[in-house]
């Protein structure tokens, strides 16, 4: 993802923690996916933020450790998440298969490769 989109997400959502050591989070490398998924990640981040507003203790411990493309789909790795957060992550991961990672256009699942 480009530097502008990365900076916007890091500024708006403090649970990404790019400043953490690499042993705790790989977000120091940014988002390892194309800009086509920016809107999807933004929507997911807003859902997560709404859940964190409900629980101050969770907001102190929760963070995203990695966001990347794997096998043609979005992967979001976290720690200390609630079932609701995991549900939103799984929904975003499923949705990513129908969005082109590079341009954000309508995508499709292809047979035989990713």
Protein backbone atom coordinates (compact mmCIF):
# COMPACT_ATOMS: atom_id res chain seq x y z
CA UNK A 1 0.00 0.00 0.00
CA UNK A 2 1.31 3.48 -0.78
CA UNK A 3 2.75 5.80 1.86
CA UNK A 4 -0.23 8.18 1.80
CA UNK A 5 -2.83 5.50 2.54
CA UNK A 6 -0.54 3.92 5.13
CA UNK A 7 -0.06 7.25 6.91
CA UNK A 8 -3.82 7.91 6.90
CA UNK A 9 -4.57 4.56 8.52
CA UNK A 10 -1.75 4.90 11.07
CA UNK A 11 -2.90 8.43 11.99
CA UNK A 12 -6.58 7.59 12.36
CA UNK A 13 -6.30 4.19 14.06
CA UNK A 14 -3.82 3.94 16.91
CA UNK A 15 -4.10 0.15 17.23
CA UNK A 16 -1.69 -0.44 14.33
CA UNK A 17 1.41 0.52 16.39
CA UNK A 18 4.13 0.68 13.70
CA UNK A 19 6.54 1.81 16.43
CA UNK A 20 6.55 -1.57 18.22
CA UNK A 21 9.61 -3.82 17.90
CA UNK A 22 9.42 -6.39 15.10
CA UNK A 23 9.20 -9.17 17.70
CA UNK A 24 5.78 -7.77 18.69
CA UNK A 25 4.38 -6.39 15.42
CA UNK A 26 5.25 -6.31 11.73
CA UNK A 27 3.27 -3.10 11.16
CA UNK A 28 6.58 -1.22 11.04
CA UNK A 29 6.74 -2.56 7.46
CA UNK A 30 3.30 -1.06 6.73
CA UNK A 31 0.46 -2.80 4.93
CA UNK A 32 1.79 -5.56 2.69
CA UNK A 33 -1.00 -5.36 0.11
CA UNK A 34 -2.15 -3.18 -2.76
CA UNK A 35 -4.09 0.08 -2.61
CA UNK A 36 -7.17 -1.62 -4.04
CA UNK A 37 -7.93 -2.95 -0.57
CA UNK A 38 -7.58 0.43 1.14
CA UNK A 39 -11.36 1.00 1.41
CA UNK A 40 -11.85 -2.54 2.73
CA UNK A 41 -9.16 -2.06 5.39
CA UNK A 42 -10.57 1.37 6.27
CA UNK A 43 -14.05 -0.13 6.78
CA UNK A 44 -12.60 -2.95 8.90
CA UNK A 45 -10.59 -0.46 10.96
CA UNK A 46 -13.72 1.58 11.70
CA UNK A 47 -15.53 -1.56 12.91
CA UNK A 48 -12.59 -2.46 15.15
CA UNK A 49 -12.43 1.09 16.51
CA UNK A 50 -16.13 0.97 17.42
CA UNK A 51 -15.52 -2.21 19.42
CA UNK A 52 -12.52 -0.69 21.21
CA UNK A 53 -14.60 2.33 22.27
CA UNK A 54 -16.81 -0.07 24.24
CA UNK A 55 -13.96 -1.52 26.31
CA UNK A 56 -11.09 0.63 27.62
CA UNK A 57 -9.12 -2.39 28.84
CA UNK A 58 -9.31 -4.01 25.43
CA UNK A 59 -8.22 -0.75 23.77
CA UNK A 60 -5.06 -0.79 25.92
CA UNK A 61 -3.99 -4.31 24.93
CA UNK A 62 -5.39 -4.86 21.42
CA UNK A 63 -3.24 -4.27 18.37
CA UNK A 64 -2.96 -5.42 14.80
CA UNK A 65 0.32 -7.25 14.25
CA UNK A 66 0.25 -7.69 10.46
CA UNK A 67 -1.88 -6.91 7.39
CA UNK A 68 -0.94 -8.63 4.15
CA UNK A 69 -2.01 -10.48 1.03
CA UNK A 70 -1.76 -14.25 1.17
CA UNK A 71 -3.04 -16.71 -1.43
CA UNK A 72 -4.95 -13.92 -3.15
CA UNK A 73 -6.84 -12.78 -0.05
CA UNK A 74 -6.44 -10.26 2.74
CA UNK A 75 -4.99 -11.51 6.03
CA UNK A 76 -5.19 -9.51 9.25
CA UNK A 77 -3.34 -10.79 12.31
CA UNK A 78 -4.22 -9.39 15.74
CA UNK A 79 -3.84 -10.05 19.44
CA UNK A 80 -6.36 -9.75 22.30
CA UNK A 81 -9.41 -9.57 20.01
CA UNK A 82 -13.07 -10.11 20.84
CA UNK A 83 -15.30 -12.51 18.89
CA UNK A 84 -16.91 -9.48 17.20
CA UNK A 85 -13.52 -8.25 15.97
CA UNK A 86 -12.67 -11.70 14.63
CA UNK A 87 -16.04 -11.80 12.84
CA UNK A 88 -15.28 -8.47 11.11
CA UNK A 89 -11.81 -9.67 10.16
CA UNK A 90 -13.18 -12.88 8.64
CA UNK A 91 -15.82 -10.88 6.77
CA UNK A 92 -13.18 -8.53 5.33
CA UNK A 93 -10.95 -11.46 4.39
CA UNK A 94 -13.85 -13.14 2.55
CA UNK A 95 -14.79 -9.88 0.82
CA UNK A 96 -11.20 -9.36 -0.36
CA UNK A 97 -11.50 -12.28 -2.80
CA UNK A 98 -13.99 -10.22 -4.80
CA UNK A 99 -11.94 -7.01 -4.91
CA UNK A 100 -8.83 -6.61 -7.04
CA UNK A 101 -5.94 -5.90 -4.69
CA UNK A 102 -4.22 -3.43 -7.03
CA UNK A 103 -7.09 -1.30 -8.37
CA UNK A 104 -10.06 -1.97 -6.08
CA UNK A 105 -12.32 -3.05 -8.94
CA UNK A 106 -14.64 -6.03 -8.86
CA UNK A 107 -12.61 -9.21 -8.60
CA UNK A 108 -13.25 -12.89 -8.95
CA UNK A 109 -11.95 -16.16 -7.62
CA UNK A 110 -9.94 -18.01 -10.25
CA UNK A 111 -9.42 -21.73 -10.55
CA UNK A 112 -5.94 -23.17 -10.20
CA UNK A 113 -4.06 -20.17 -8.81
CA UNK A 114 -4.42 -17.09 -6.72
